[in-house]
C-alpha cells in the first residue's frame, strides 16, 4: 500500500511525527481481520505491507491507517484540514519472491528516496528509524532491537507468504 500526503506539508520523517505515528500504529496495527505488518515513512508518503481477509476489511483497515496518519500530521504540525492527497494505492502480493522483494523495497526504501535528495541515512543508523525495520526478524544479520516500544507499531503476519514463504528466496541484507 502507498498513502500519499498533500503537497506543501512538512516532511513526514520528522522525529516527532514518526514517534506519534508509531504510537498510533501500535494502538491499531491488529484489527482482527486487518494487520499492519510493515511500514516505511518517507517525506511525502508512507509505504505499508498489510494483511486483510477481504476487500472490505482492507478498505476499512486502510481507512483507519489513513485517518491515523492525517490526524497525526495535523496534531504534530498544528494544522487543520485534509492531509491525504488521495486514496491509497494497492498492489496485491501473490508469490514468495514478490513478497520478499516488497519487504526489501519497503524496509530499505529510505535509502533510495534520500539518495534522490543527495542525502544518506546517518552513519550510526543501520536501519531506517522511520520504518518498521527494527521489528523485522528476516535480516541476514543479527540486530539488537533499536526500540523498546511496547506494544510494537506492527502486527506479526498470519499468512504463509509473509511468515515463511518469502524466506525461500533468502533473508534480506540490510546493507
C-alpha atoms as a PDB file:
ATOM      1  CA  UNK A   1       0.000   0.000   0.000  1.00  0.00           C
ATOM      2  CA  UNK A   2       1.072   3.562  -0.527  1.00  0.00           C
ATOM      3  CA  UNK A   3      -0.553   6.587   1.134  1.00  0.00           C
ATOM      4  CA  UNK A   4       0.491   9.981  -0.242  1.00  0.00           C
ATOM      5  CA  UNK A   5       0.013  13.286   1.587  1.00  0.00           C
ATOM      6  CA  UNK A   6      -0.865  16.617   0.016  1.00  0.00           C
ATOM      7  CA  UNK A   7       1.928  18.759  -1.357  1.00  0.00           C
ATOM      8  CA  UNK A   8       3.180  21.600   0.795  1.00  0.00           C
ATOM      9  CA  UNK A   9       3.255  19.648   4.051  1.00  0.00           C
ATOM     10  CA  UNK A  10       6.494  19.345   6.039  1.00  0.00           C
ATOM     11  CA  UNK A  11       8.407  16.061   5.775  1.00  0.00           C
ATOM     12  CA  UNK A  12       6.720  13.079   7.362  1.00  0.00           C
ATOM     13  CA  UNK A  13      10.153  11.893   8.512  1.00  0.00           C
ATOM     14  CA  UNK A  14      10.406  14.400  11.376  1.00  0.00           C
ATOM     15  CA  UNK A  15      11.184  12.625  14.649  1.00  0.00           C
ATOM     16  CA  UNK A  16       8.061  13.958  16.388  1.00  0.00           C
ATOM     17  CA  UNK A  17       5.743  12.753  13.642  1.00  0.00           C
ATOM     18  CA  UNK A  18       7.414   9.340  13.320  1.00  0.00           C
ATOM     19  CA  UNK A  19       7.045   8.763  17.090  1.00  0.00           C
ATOM     20  CA  UNK A  20       3.427   9.949  17.001  1.00  0.00           C
ATOM     21  CA  UNK A  21       2.638   7.606  14.104  1.00  0.00           C
ATOM     22  CA  UNK A  22       4.325   4.694  15.878  1.00  0.00           C
ATOM     23  CA  UNK A  23       2.168   5.261  18.963  1.00  0.00           C
ATOM     24  CA  UNK A  24      -0.924   5.456  16.777  1.00  0.00           C
ATOM     25  CA  UNK A  25       0.005   2.379  14.721  1.00  0.00           C
ATOM     26  CA  UNK A  26       0.691   0.394  17.910  1.00  0.00           C
ATOM     27  CA  UNK A  27      -2.860   1.045  19.055  1.00  0.00           C
ATOM     28  CA  UNK A  28      -4.384  -0.205  15.807  1.00  0.00           C
ATOM     29  CA  UNK A  29      -1.936  -2.451  13.917  1.00  0.00           C
ATOM     30  CA  UNK A  30      -4.003  -5.546  14.724  1.00  0.00           C
ATOM     31  CA  UNK A  31      -7.664  -5.039  13.934  1.00  0.00           C
ATOM     32  CA  UNK A  32      -8.907  -8.603  13.763  1.00  0.00           C
ATOM     33  CA  UNK A  33      -9.112  -9.140  10.031  1.00  0.00           C
ATOM     34  CA  UNK A  34      -6.629  -6.392   9.112  1.00  0.00           C
ATOM     35  CA  UNK A  35      -2.980  -6.164  10.159  1.00  0.00           C
ATOM     36  CA  UNK A  36      -0.306  -3.544   9.552  1.00  0.00           C
ATOM     37  CA  UNK A  37       2.753  -5.772   9.178  1.00  0.00           C
ATOM     38  CA  UNK A  38       5.453  -3.343   7.961  1.00  0.00           C
ATOM     39  CA  UNK A  39       5.779   0.322   7.030  1.00  0.00           C
ATOM     40  CA  UNK A  40       8.235   2.928   5.832  1.00  0.00           C
ATOM     41  CA  UNK A  41       7.624   6.641   6.279  1.00  0.00           C
ATOM     42  CA  UNK A  42       9.054   8.836   3.529  1.00  0.00           C
ATOM     43  CA  UNK A  43       8.985  12.627   3.064  1.00  0.00           C
ATOM     44  CA  UNK A  44       5.569  12.746   1.394  1.00  0.00           C
ATOM     45  CA  UNK A  45       4.181   9.211   1.529  1.00  0.00           C
ATOM     46  CA  UNK A  46       4.005   6.033   3.571  1.00  0.00           C
ATOM     47  CA  UNK A  47       4.580   2.526   2.220  1.00  0.00           C
ATOM     48  CA  UNK A  48       2.880  -0.282   4.099  1.00  0.00           C
ATOM     49  CA  UNK A  49       2.622  -4.033   3.877  1.00  0.00           C
ATOM     50  CA  UNK A  50      -0.698  -5.150   5.261  1.00  0.00           C
ATOM     51  CA  UNK A  51      -2.790  -8.296   5.501  1.00  0.00           C
ATOM     52  CA  UNK A  52      -6.561  -8.370   5.184  1.00  0.00           C
ATOM     53  CA  UNK A  53      -9.041 -11.220   4.951  1.00  0.00           C
ATOM     54  CA  UNK A  54     -11.285  -9.468   2.411  1.00  0.00           C
ATOM     55  CA  UNK A  55     -11.537  -6.380   0.247  1.00  0.00           C
ATOM     56  CA  UNK A  56     -13.968  -4.904   2.751  1.00  0.00           C
ATOM     57  CA  UNK A  57     -11.571  -5.475   5.661  1.00  0.00           C
ATOM     58  CA  UNK A  58      -8.742  -3.993   3.598  1.00  0.00           C
ATOM     59  CA  UNK A  59     -10.767  -0.864   2.848  1.00  0.00           C
ATOM     60  CA  UNK A  60     -11.785  -0.485   6.486  1.00  0.00           C
ATOM     61  CA  UNK A  61      -8.233  -1.037   7.745  1.00  0.00           C
ATOM     62  CA  UNK A  62      -6.710   1.378   5.265  1.00  0.00           C
ATOM     63  CA  UNK A  63      -9.310   3.973   6.163  1.00  0.00           C
ATOM     64  CA  UNK A  64      -8.181   3.626   9.766  1.00  0.00           C
ATOM     65  CA  UNK A  65      -4.479   3.881   8.858  1.00  0.00           C
ATOM     66  CA  UNK A  66      -5.168   6.892   6.610  1.00  0.00           C
ATOM     67  CA  UNK A  67      -7.156   8.730   9.253  1.00  0.00           C
ATOM     68  CA  UNK A  68      -4.497   7.998  11.882  1.00  0.00           C
ATOM     69  CA  UNK A  69      -1.855   9.393   9.527  1.00  0.00           C
ATOM     70  CA  UNK A  70      -3.905  12.521   8.797  1.00  0.00           C
ATOM     71  CA  UNK A  71      -4.713  13.153  12.474  1.00  0.00           C
ATOM     72  CA  UNK A  72      -1.059  12.695  13.483  1.00  0.00           C
ATOM     73  CA  UNK A  73       0.097  15.104  10.737  1.00  0.00           C
ATOM     74  CA  UNK A  74      -2.433  17.718  11.838  1.00  0.00           C
ATOM     75  CA  UNK A  75      -1.598  17.272  15.528  1.00  0.00           C
ATOM     76  CA  UNK A  76       2.191  17.420  15.140  1.00  0.00           C
ATOM     77  CA  UNK A  77       2.232  20.279  12.625  1.00  0.00           C
ATOM     78  CA  UNK A  78      -0.551  22.235  14.385  1.00  0.00           C
ATOM     79  CA  UNK A  79      -2.725  22.384  11.303  1.00  0.00           C
ATOM     80  CA  UNK A  80      -6.262  21.566  10.251  1.00  0.00           C
ATOM     81  CA  UNK A  81      -7.841  20.162   7.145  1.00  0.00           C
ATOM     82  CA  UNK A  82      -7.221  17.230   4.834  1.00  0.00           C
ATOM     83  CA  UNK A  83      -3.722  15.779   4.810  1.00  0.00           C
ATOM     84  CA  UNK A  84      -4.015  12.897   2.344  1.00  0.00           C
ATOM     85  CA  UNK A  85      -3.618  13.576  -1.370  1.00  0.00           C
ATOM     86  CA  UNK A  86      -5.945  10.797  -2.491  1.00  0.00           C
ATOM     87  CA  UNK A  87      -6.962   7.209  -1.817  1.00  0.00           C
ATOM     88  CA  UNK A  88      -4.342   4.583  -1.120  1.00  0.00           C
ATOM     89  CA  UNK A  89      -2.628   2.712  -3.942  1.00  0.00           C
ATOM     90  CA  UNK A  90      -2.529  -1.050  -3.536  1.00  0.00           C
ATOM     91  CA  UNK A  91      -0.639  -3.903  -5.087  1.00  0.00           C
ATOM     92  CA  UNK A  92      -1.581  -7.469  -4.146  1.00  0.00           C
ATOM     93  CA  UNK A  93       1.436  -9.694  -3.442  1.00  0.00           C
ATOM     94  CA  UNK A  94       0.924 -13.235  -4.743  1.00  0.00           C
ATOM     95  CA  UNK A  95       4.251 -15.102  -4.790  1.00  0.00           C
ATOM     96  CA  UNK A  96       7.074 -15.660  -2.280  1.00  0.00           C
ATOM     97  CA  UNK A  97       9.531 -13.741  -4.483  1.00  0.00           C
ATOM     98  CA  UNK A  98       7.133 -10.829  -4.839  1.00  0.00           C
ATOM     99  CA  UNK A  99       6.692 -10.684  -1.043  1.00  0.00           C
ATOM    100  CA  UNK A 100      10.464 -10.803  -0.471  1.00  0.00           C
ATOM    101  CA  UNK A 101      11.015  -8.013  -2.993  1.00  0.00           C
ATOM    102  CA  UNK A 102       8.241  -5.931  -1.393  1.00  0.00           C
ATOM    103  CA  UNK A 103       9.724  -6.406   2.089  1.00  0.00           C
ATOM    104  CA  UNK A 104      13.163  -5.318   0.877  1.00  0.00           C
ATOM    105  CA  UNK A 105      11.666  -2.382  -1.014  1.00  0.00           C
ATOM    106  CA  UNK A 106       9.579  -1.107   1.898  1.00  0.00           C
ATOM    107  CA  UNK A 107      12.130  -1.647   4.680  1.00  0.00           C
ATOM    108  CA  UNK A 108      15.094  -0.257   2.701  1.00  0.00           C
ATOM    109  CA  UNK A 109      13.167   2.401   0.754  1.00  0.00           C
ATOM    110  CA  UNK A 110      14.535   5.421   2.622  1.00  0.00           C
ATOM    111  CA  UNK A 111      17.975   4.953   1.071  1.00  0.00           C
ATOM    112  CA  UNK A 112      16.527   5.319  -2.411  1.00  0.00           C
ATOM    113  CA  UNK A 113      14.457   8.391  -1.554  1.00  0.00           C
ATOM    114  CA  UNK A 114      17.256  10.075   0.395  1.00  0.00           C
ATOM    115  CA  UNK A 115      19.715   9.429  -2.456  1.00  0.00           C
ATOM    116  CA  UNK A 116      17.389  11.344  -4.796  1.00  0.00           C
ATOM    117  CA  UNK A 117      17.750  14.298  -2.401  1.00  0.00           C
ATOM    118  CA  UNK A 118      21.537  13.893  -2.230  1.00  0.00           C
ATOM    119  CA  UNK A 119      21.374  12.655   1.371  1.00  0.00           C
ATOM    120  CA  UNK A 120      22.014   9.394   3.210  1.00  0.00           C
ATOM    121  CA  UNK A 121      20.909   7.769   6.438  1.00  0.00           C
ATOM    122  CA  UNK A 122      23.022   8.791   9.446  1.00  0.00           C
ATOM    123  CA  UNK A 123      26.136   6.599   9.713  1.00  0.00           C
ATOM    124  CA  UNK A 124      25.033   5.117  13.011  1.00  0.00           C
ATOM    125  CA  UNK A 125      21.624   4.159  11.646  1.00  0.00           C
ATOM    126  CA  UNK A 126      21.916   0.673  10.224  1.00  0.00           C
ATOM    127  CA  UNK A 127      18.177   0.617   9.678  1.00  0.00           C
ATOM    128  CA  UNK A 128      15.804   3.380   8.747  1.00  0.00           C
ATOM    129  CA  UNK A 129      14.458   4.845  12.020  1.00  0.00           C
ATOM    130  CA  UNK A 130      11.247   5.818  10.194  1.00  0.00           C
ATOM    131  CA  UNK A 131      10.415   2.242   9.249  1.00  0.00           C
ATOM    132  CA  UNK A 132       9.433  -0.981  10.949  1.00  0.00           C
ATOM    133  CA  UNK A 133      12.837  -2.467  10.089  1.00  0.00           C
ATOM    134  CA  UNK A 134      13.852  -2.739  13.730  1.00  0.00           C
ATOM    135  CA  UNK A 135      10.857  -5.035  14.333  1.00  0.00           C
ATOM    136  CA  UNK A 136      11.685  -7.292  11.348  1.00  0.00           C
ATOM    137  CA  UNK A 137      13.160 -10.724  12.036  1.00  0.00           C
ATOM    138  CA  UNK A 138      14.190 -11.580   8.463  1.00  0.00           C
ATOM    139  CA  UNK A 139      17.516  -9.734   8.229  1.00  0.00           C
ATOM    140  CA  UNK A 140      20.514 -11.857   7.259  1.00  0.00           C
ATOM    141  CA  UNK A 141      22.494 -10.225  10.086  1.00  0.00           C
ATOM    142  CA  UNK A 142      21.643 -10.070  13.744  1.00  0.00           C
ATOM    143  CA  UNK A 143      20.459  -6.714  15.093  1.00  0.00           C
ATOM    144  CA  UNK A 144      19.721  -5.581  18.589  1.00  0.00           C
ATOM    145  CA  UNK A 145      16.278  -4.005  18.747  1.00  0.00           C
ATOM    146  CA  UNK A 146      16.704  -0.239  18.455  1.00  0.00           C
ATOM    147  CA  UNK A 147      13.436   0.336  20.217  1.00  0.00           C
ATOM    148  CA  UNK A 148      11.661  -0.896  23.276  1.00  0.00           C
ATOM    149  CA  UNK A 149       8.237   0.183  22.040  1.00  0.00           C
ATOM    150  CA  UNK A 150       5.607  -1.933  23.641  1.00  0.00           C
ATOM    151  CA  UNK A 151       3.336  -2.747  22.052  1.00  0.00           C
ATOM    152  CA  UNK A 152       5.193  -2.555  18.739  1.00  0.00           C
ATOM    153  CA  UNK A 153       3.649  -0.497  15.913  1.00  0.00           C
ATOM    154  CA  UNK A 154       3.325  -3.579  13.695  1.00  0.00           C
ATOM    155  CA  UNK A 155       1.476  -6.871  13.994  1.00  0.00           C
ATOM    156  CA  UNK A 156       3.014 -10.285  13.366  1.00  0.00           C
ATOM    157  CA  UNK A 157       1.986 -11.706   9.991  1.00  0.00           C
ATOM    158  CA  UNK A 158      -0.564 -14.510   9.797  1.00  0.00           C
ATOM    159  CA  UNK A 159      -0.317 -15.515   6.137  1.00  0.00           C
ATOM    160  CA  UNK A 160       2.120 -18.161   4.978  1.00  0.00           C
ATOM    161  CA  UNK A 161       3.605 -15.781   2.366  1.00  0.00           C
ATOM    162  CA  UNK A 162       4.596 -13.164   4.965  1.00  0.00           C
ATOM    163  CA  UNK A 163       5.593 -15.582   7.732  1.00  0.00           C
ATOM    164  CA  UNK A 164       7.541 -18.247   5.874  1.00  0.00           C
ATOM    165  CA  UNK A 165       7.091 -18.297   2.095  1.00  0.00           C
ATOM    166  CA  UNK A 166       9.260 -15.305   1.186  1.00  0.00           C
ATOM    167  CA  UNK A 167      12.234 -16.845   3.067  1.00  0.00           C
ATOM    168  CA  UNK A 168      12.589 -19.402   0.261  1.00  0.00           C
ATOM    169  CA  UNK A 169      14.411 -16.678  -1.651  1.00  0.00           C
ATOM    170  CA  UNK A 170      16.815 -15.785   1.177  1.00  0.00           C
ATOM    171  CA  UNK A 171      16.924 -13.413   4.108  1.00  0.00           C
ATOM    172  CA  UNK A 172      17.279  -9.718   3.382  1.00  0.00           C
ATOM    173  CA  UNK A 173      20.615  -7.912   3.639  1.00  0.00           C
ATOM    174  CA  UNK A 174      20.175  -4.537   5.356  1.00  0.00           C
ATOM    175  CA  UNK A 175      23.327  -3.253   3.693  1.00  0.00           C
END
